[in-house]
Every structure is written in structure tokens, then in C-alpha cells.
Amino acid sequence: MDDMKSRVFRLRLPKRSATNALQRWVDEGREVSLPELRNISKELRRAQRYKHALEDVMYPSISKHAE
């Protein structure tokens, strides 16, 4: 399955950027919705992946592609 959530969760190491994964998603012509980003961020926090969760929440403020 290739969805935005699985792409972000495949980033195991904190040094890998969730922002880059989200940008690649957008570059492929796919949509990014705020509710989906919030849900992914919540699940990342539950998994104690705080850096990726923060990047996920901050993505709309650094990108013009989030709706």
C-alpha cells in the first residue's frame, strides 16, 4: 500500500526528513489534507516519533500545497 501515512512511517531513523517525504508526495501530484496530517502526527506521537510528528504538523506552514 502506498499512501502518505505509510511513506512517513517507513522513515525509521529520526535523521530522515518527513518533510521530504511529504514534498515528494506533493510533487507526484497527490493531495495533502490537514485532517490527514493531523491524524498521522497523532499516530507518530503515540509511537514516540516526536521529530517526525513535529515535521508533519509544521508542513502546512512551510508549504503552499496543504489544503
PDB file of N, CA and C in Angstrom:
ATOM      1  N   MET A   1       0.851  -1.179   0.000  1.00  0.00           N
ATOM      2  CA  MET A   1       0.000   0.000   0.000  1.00  0.00           C
ATOM      3  C   MET A   1       0.896   1.240   0.000  1.00  0.00           C
ATOM      4  N   ASP A   2       0.583   2.168  -0.893  1.00  0.00           N
ATOM      5  CA  ASP A   2       1.381   3.385  -0.977  1.00  0.00           C
ATOM      6  C   ASP A   2       0.487   4.583  -0.668  1.00  0.00           C
ATOM      7  N   ASP A   3       0.451   4.942   0.602  1.00  0.00           N
ATOM      8  CA  ASP A   3      -0.271   6.142   0.988  1.00  0.00           C
ATOM      9  C   ASP A   3       0.679   7.033   1.784  1.00  0.00           C
ATOM     10  N   MET A   4       0.228   8.225   2.076  1.00  0.00           N
ATOM     11  CA  MET A   4       1.092   9.197   2.744  1.00  0.00           C
ATOM     12  C   MET A   4       1.525   8.681   4.121  1.00  0.00           C
ATOM     13  N   LYS A   5       0.616   8.077   4.854  1.00  0.00           N
ATOM     14  CA  LYS A   5       0.934   7.565   6.187  1.00  0.00           C
ATOM     15  C   LYS A   5       2.040   6.511   6.120  1.00  0.00           C
ATOM     16  N   SER A   6       1.929   5.575   5.191  1.00  0.00           N
ATOM     17  CA  SER A   6       2.940   4.520   5.116  1.00  0.00           C
ATOM     18  C   SER A   6       4.302   5.078   4.706  1.00  0.00           C
ATOM     19  N   ARG A   7       4.308   6.102   3.871  1.00  0.00           N
ATOM     20  CA  ARG A   7       5.593   6.716   3.495  1.00  0.00           C
ATOM     21  C   ARG A   7       6.276   7.361   4.694  1.00  0.00           C
ATOM     22  N   VAL A   8       5.515   8.049   5.511  1.00  0.00           N
ATOM     23  CA  VAL A   8       6.098   8.706   6.685  1.00  0.00           C
ATOM     24  C   VAL A   8       6.531   7.656   7.705  1.00  0.00           C
ATOM     25  N   PHE A   9       5.727   6.621   7.912  1.00  0.00           N
ATOM     26  CA  PHE A   9       6.074   5.598   8.890  1.00  0.00           C
ATOM     27  C   PHE A   9       7.255   4.735   8.465  1.00  0.00           C
ATOM     28  N   ARG A  10       7.551   4.696   7.172  1.00  0.00           N
ATOM     29  CA  ARG A  10       8.731   3.945   6.714  1.00  0.00           C
ATOM     30  C   ARG A  10      10.027   4.635   7.100  1.00  0.00           C
ATOM     31  N   LEU A  11       9.971   5.890   7.485  1.00  0.00           N
ATOM     32  CA  LEU A  11      11.165   6.628   7.905  1.00  0.00           C
ATOM     33  C   LEU A  11      11.490   6.208   9.339  1.00  0.00           C
ATOM     34  N   ARG A  12      12.336   5.274   9.496  1.00  0.00           N
ATOM     35  CA  ARG A  12      12.651   4.749  10.830  1.00  0.00           C
ATOM     36  C   ARG A  12      13.605   5.653  11.614  1.00  0.00           C
ATOM     37  N   LEU A  13      14.588   6.199  10.936  1.00  0.00           N
ATOM     38  CA  LEU A  13      15.595   6.997  11.627  1.00  0.00           C
ATOM     39  C   LEU A  13      15.138   8.448  11.750  1.00  0.00           C
ATOM     40  N   PRO A  14      15.326   9.062  12.912  1.00  0.00           N
ATOM     41  CA  PRO A  14      14.920  10.462  13.090  1.00  0.00           C
ATOM     42  C   PRO A  14      15.645  11.428  12.155  1.00  0.00           C
ATOM     43  N   LYS A  15      16.819  11.043  11.659  1.00  0.00           N
ATOM     44  CA  LYS A  15      17.565  11.932  10.770  1.00  0.00           C
ATOM     45  C   LYS A  15      16.897  12.069   9.405  1.00  0.00           C
ATOM     46  N   ARG A  16      16.080  11.099   9.044  1.00  0.00           N
ATOM     47  CA  ARG A  16      15.364  11.186   7.768  1.00  0.00           C
ATOM     48  C   ARG A  16      14.204  12.152   7.924  1.00  0.00           C
ATOM     49  N   SER A  17      13.985  12.940   6.908  1.00  0.00           N
ATOM     50  CA  SER A  17      13.024  14.028   6.997  1.00  0.00           C
ATOM     51  C   SER A  17      11.630  13.623   6.522  1.00  0.00           C
ATOM     52  N   ALA A  18      10.647  13.810   7.386  1.00  0.00           N
ATOM     53  CA  ALA A  18       9.260  13.597   6.995  1.00  0.00           C
ATOM     54  C   ALA A  18       8.829  14.671   6.008  1.00  0.00           C
ATOM     55  N   THR A  19       9.403  15.851   6.120  1.00  0.00           N
ATOM     56  CA  THR A  19       9.073  16.936   5.205  1.00  0.00           C
ATOM     57  C   THR A  19       9.437  16.552   3.776  1.00  0.00           C
ATOM     58  N   ASN A  20      10.577  15.914   3.582  1.00  0.00           N
ATOM     59  CA  ASN A  20      10.973  15.482   2.239  1.00  0.00           C
ATOM     60  C   ASN A  20      10.009  14.440   1.689  1.00  0.00           C
ATOM     61  N   ALA A  21       9.579  13.525   2.540  1.00  0.00           N
ATOM     62  CA  ALA A  21       8.621  12.500   2.102  1.00  0.00           C
ATOM     63  C   ALA A  21       7.298  13.139   1.704  1.00  0.00           C
ATOM     64  N   LEU A  22       6.852  14.120   2.472  1.00  0.00           N
ATOM     65  CA  LEU A  22       5.606  14.811   2.139  1.00  0.00           C
ATOM     66  C   LEU A  22       5.754  15.619   0.856  1.00  0.00           C
ATOM     67  N   GLN A  23       6.897  16.248   0.675  1.00  0.00           N
ATOM     68  CA  GLN A  23       7.121  17.034  -0.537  1.00  0.00           C
ATOM     69  C   GLN A  23       7.147  16.141  -1.770  1.00  0.00           C
ATOM     70  N   ARG A  24       7.777  14.972  -1.662  1.00  0.00           N
ATOM     71  CA  ARG A  24       7.774  14.026  -2.780  1.00  0.00           C
ATOM     72  C   ARG A  24       6.343  13.610  -3.125  1.00  0.00           C
ATOM     73  N   TRP A  25       5.518  13.408  -2.088  1.00  0.00           N
ATOM     74  CA  TRP A  25       4.113  13.046  -2.271  1.00  0.00           C
ATOM     75  C   TRP A  25       3.407  14.126  -3.110  1.00  0.00           C
ATOM     76  N   VAL A  26       3.628  15.382  -2.758  1.00  0.00           N
ATOM     77  CA  VAL A  26       3.009  16.503  -3.469  1.00  0.00           C
ATOM     78  C   VAL A  26       3.572  16.614  -4.885  1.00  0.00           C
ATOM     79  N   ASP A  27       4.865  16.417  -5.035  1.00  0.00           N
ATOM     80  CA  ASP A  27       5.499  16.505  -6.351  1.00  0.00           C
ATOM     81  C   ASP A  27       4.946  15.457  -7.325  1.00  0.00           C
ATOM     82  N   GLU A  28       4.420  14.373  -6.776  1.00  0.00           N
ATOM     83  CA  GLU A  28       3.808  13.336  -7.611  1.00  0.00           C
ATOM     84  C   GLU A  28       2.378  13.703  -8.001  1.00  0.00           C
ATOM     85  N   GLY A  29       1.928  14.878  -7.572  1.00  0.00           N
ATOM     86  CA  GLY A  29       0.600  15.350  -7.949  1.00  0.00           C
ATOM     87  C   GLY A  29      -0.514  14.904  -7.020  1.00  0.00           C
ATOM     88  N   ARG A  30      -0.161  14.467  -5.828  1.00  0.00           N
ATOM     89  CA  ARG A  30      -1.160  13.980  -4.881  1.00  0.00           C
ATOM     90  C   ARG A  30      -1.530  15.074  -3.889  1.00  0.00           C
ATOM     91  N   GLU A  31      -2.696  14.935  -3.295  1.00  0.00           N
ATOM     92  CA  GLU A  31      -3.223  15.918  -2.353  1.00  0.00           C
ATOM     93  C   GLU A  31      -2.709  15.667  -0.936  1.00  0.00           C
ATOM     94  N   VAL A  32      -2.574  16.754  -0.183  1.00  0.00           N
ATOM     95  CA  VAL A  32      -2.241  16.691   1.244  1.00  0.00           C
ATOM     96  C   VAL A  32      -3.343  17.426   1.975  1.00  0.00           C
ATOM     97  N   SER A  33      -4.024  16.731   2.882  1.00  0.00           N
ATOM     98  CA  SER A  33      -5.099  17.385   3.628  1.00  0.00           C
ATOM     99  C   SER A  33      -4.679  17.565   5.089  1.00  0.00           C
ATOM    100  N   LEU A  34      -5.134  18.651   5.669  1.00  0.00           N
ATOM    101  CA  LEU A  34      -4.805  18.923   7.076  1.00  0.00           C
ATOM    102  C   LEU A  34      -5.318  17.842   8.019  1.00  0.00           C
ATOM    103  N   PRO A  35      -6.559  17.357   7.853  1.00  0.00           N
ATOM    104  CA  PRO A  35      -7.007  16.288   8.760  1.00  0.00           C
ATOM    105  C   PRO A  35      -6.140  15.033   8.670  1.00  0.00           C
ATOM    106  N   GLU A  36      -5.689  14.696   7.464  1.00  0.00           N
ATOM    107  CA  GLU A  36      -4.829  13.529   7.313  1.00  0.00           C
ATOM    108  C   GLU A  36      -3.480  13.764   7.995  1.00  0.00           C
ATOM    109  N   LEU A  37      -2.916  14.967   7.837  1.00  0.00           N
ATOM    110  CA  LEU A  37      -1.651  15.284   8.507  1.00  0.00           C
ATOM    111  C   LEU A  37      -1.798  15.223  10.022  1.00  0.00           C
ATOM    112  N   ARG A  38      -2.910  15.729  10.541  1.00  0.00           N
ATOM    113  CA  ARG A  38      -3.137  15.675  11.997  1.00  0.00           C
ATOM    114  C   ARG A  38      -3.224  14.239  12.491  1.00  0.00           C
ATOM    115  N   ASN A  39      -3.911  13.399  11.745  1.00  0.00           N
ATOM    116  CA  ASN A  39      -4.056  12.000  12.127  1.00  0.00           C
ATOM    117  C   ASN A  39      -2.702  11.286  12.114  1.00  0.00           C
ATOM    118  N   ILE A  40      -1.917  11.518  11.082  1.00  0.00           N
ATOM    119  CA  ILE A  40      -0.582  10.900  11.001  1.00  0.00           C
ATOM    120  C   ILE A  40       0.293  11.389  12.151  1.00  0.00           C
ATOM    121  N   SER A  41       0.219  12.681  12.444  1.00  0.00           N
ATOM    122  CA  SER A  41       1.010  13.238  13.537  1.00  0.00           C
ATOM    123  C   SER A  41       0.623  12.614  14.873  1.00  0.00           C
ATOM    124  N   LYS A  42      -0.669  12.428  15.083  1.00  0.00           N
ATOM    125  CA  LYS A  42      -1.145  11.822  16.333  1.00  0.00           C
ATOM    126  C   LYS A  42      -0.601  10.396  16.475  1.00  0.00           C
ATOM    127  N   GLU A  43      -0.621   9.645  15.389  1.00  0.00           N
ATOM    128  CA  GLU A  43      -0.108   8.276  15.437  1.00  0.00           C
ATOM    129  C   GLU A  43       1.407   8.248  15.627  1.00  0.00           C
ATOM    130  N   LEU A  44       2.111   9.207  15.043  1.00  0.00           N
ATOM    131  CA  LEU A  44       3.557   9.287  15.252  1.00  0.00           C
ATOM    132  C   LEU A  44       3.884   9.597  16.709  1.00  0.00           C
ATOM    133  N   ARG A  45       3.116  10.482  17.335  1.00  0.00           N
ATOM    134  CA  ARG A  45       3.341  10.793  18.752  1.00  0.00           C
ATOM    135  C   ARG A  45       3.097   9.562  19.619  1.00  0.00           C
ATOM    136  N   ARG A  46       2.072   8.796  19.304  1.00  0.00           N
ATOM    137  CA  ARG A  46       1.810   7.556  20.053  1.00  0.00           C
ATOM    138  C   ARG A  46       2.977   6.584  19.943  1.00  0.00           C
ATOM    139  N   ALA A  47       3.643   6.607  18.783  1.00  0.00           N
ATOM    140  CA  ALA A  47       4.798   5.738  18.561  1.00  0.00           C
ATOM    141  C   ALA A  47       6.090   6.376  19.064  1.00  0.00           C
ATOM    142  N   GLN A  48       5.974   7.512  19.751  1.00  0.00           N
ATOM    143  CA  GLN A  48       7.105   8.261  20.313  1.00  0.00           C
ATOM    144  C   GLN A  48       8.105   8.683  19.234  1.00  0.00           C
ATOM    145  N   ARG A  49       7.579   9.052  18.094  1.00  0.00           N
ATOM    146  CA  ARG A  49       8.406   9.555  16.993  1.00  0.00           C
ATOM    147  C   ARG A  49       8.113  11.045  16.869  1.00  0.00           C
ATOM    148  N   TYR A  50       8.587  11.776  17.852  1.00  0.00           N
ATOM    149  CA  TYR A  50       8.222  13.177  18.024  1.00  0.00           C
ATOM    150  C   TYR A  50       8.767  14.086  16.925  1.00  0.00           C
ATOM    151  N   LYS A  51       9.978  13.842  16.456  1.00  0.00           N
ATOM    152  CA  LYS A  51      10.556  14.692  15.411  1.00  0.00           C
ATOM    153  C   LYS A  51       9.723  14.604  14.136  1.00  0.00           C
ATOM    154  N   HIS A  52       9.384  13.386  13.729  1.00  0.00           N
ATOM    155  CA  HIS A  52       8.571  13.223  12.528  1.00  0.00           C
ATOM    156  C   HIS A  52       7.173  13.800  12.735  1.00  0.00           C
ATOM    157  N   ALA A  53       6.629  13.663  13.934  1.00  0.00           N
ATOM    158  CA  ALA A  53       5.301  14.226  14.224  1.00  0.00           C
ATOM    159  C   ALA A  53       5.337  15.743  14.107  1.00  0.00           C
ATOM    160  N   LEU A  54       6.384  16.361  14.619  1.00  0.00           N
ATOM    161  CA  LEU A  54       6.510  17.818  14.535  1.00  0.00           C
ATOM    162  C   LEU A  54       6.642  18.272  13.079  1.00  0.00           C
ATOM    163  N   GLU A  55       7.459  17.571  12.311  1.00  0.00           N
ATOM    164  CA  GLU A  55       7.609  17.922  10.899  1.00  0.00           C
ATOM    165  C   GLU A  55       6.271  17.799  10.165  1.00  0.00           C
ATOM    166  N   ASP A  56       5.523  16.776  10.509  1.00  0.00           N
ATOM    167  CA  ASP A  56       4.230  16.540   9.880  1.00  0.00           C
ATOM    168  C   ASP A  56       3.252  17.675  10.170  1.00  0.00           C
ATOM    169  N   VAL A  57       3.241  18.148  11.397  1.00  0.00           N
ATOM    170  CA  VAL A  57       2.343  19.235  11.786  1.00  0.00           C
ATOM    171  C   VAL A  57       2.804  20.558  11.183  1.00  0.00           C
ATOM    172  N   MET A  58       4.105  20.758  11.065  1.00  0.00           N
ATOM    173  CA  MET A  58       4.642  22.011  10.550  1.00  0.00           C
ATOM    174  C   MET A  58       4.594  22.100   9.020  1.00  0.00           C
ATOM    175  N   TYR A  59       4.381  21.013   8.342  1.00  0.00           N
ATOM    176  CA  TYR A  59       4.421  21.009   6.877  1.00  0.00           C
ATOM    177  C   TYR A  59       3.501  22.058   6.247  1.00  0.00           C
ATOM    178  N   PRO A  60       2.261  22.210   6.687  1.00  0.00           N
ATOM    179  CA  PRO A  60       1.409  23.224   6.050  1.00  0.00           C
ATOM    180  C   PRO A  60       1.956  24.645   6.155  1.00  0.00           C
ATOM    181  N   SER A  61       2.676  24.946   7.210  1.00  0.00           N
ATOM    182  CA  SER A  61       3.192  26.307   7.361  1.00  0.00           C
ATOM    183  C   SER A  61       4.397  26.583   6.464  1.00  0.00           C
ATOM    184  N   ILE A  62       5.056  25.527   5.998  1.00  0.00           N
ATOM    185  CA  ILE A  62       6.213  25.734   5.124  1.00  0.00           C
ATOM    186  C   ILE A  62       5.893  25.392   3.668  1.00  0.00           C
ATOM    187  N   SER A  63       4.701  24.890   3.427  1.00  0.00           N
ATOM    188  CA  SER A  63       4.318  24.507   2.072  1.00  0.00           C
ATOM    189  C   SER A  63       2.997  25.172   1.695  1.00  0.00           C
ATOM    190  N   LYS A  64       2.856  25.481   0.444  1.00  0.00           N
ATOM    191  CA  LYS A  64       1.605  26.075  -0.052  1.00  0.00           C
ATOM    192  C   LYS A  64       0.667  25.011  -0.602  1.00  0.00           C
ATOM    193  N   HIS A  65       1.048  23.736  -0.505  1.00  0.00           N
ATOM    194  CA  HIS A  65       0.270  22.667  -1.115  1.00  0.00           C
ATOM    195  C   HIS A  65      -0.775  22.067  -0.191  1.00  0.00           C
ATOM    196  N   ALA A  66      -0.680  22.296   1.106  1.00  0.00           N
ATOM    197  CA  ALA A  66      -1.646  21.715   2.040  1.00  0.00           C
ATOM    198  C   ALA A  66      -2.949  22.490   1.985  1.00  0.00           C
ATOM    199  N   GLU A  67      -4.035  21.752   2.008  1.00  0.00           N
ATOM    200  CA  GLU A  67      -5.355  22.408   1.980  1.00  0.00           C
ATOM    201  C   GLU A  67      -6.021  22.276   3.327  1.00  0.00           C
TER     202      GLU A  67
END
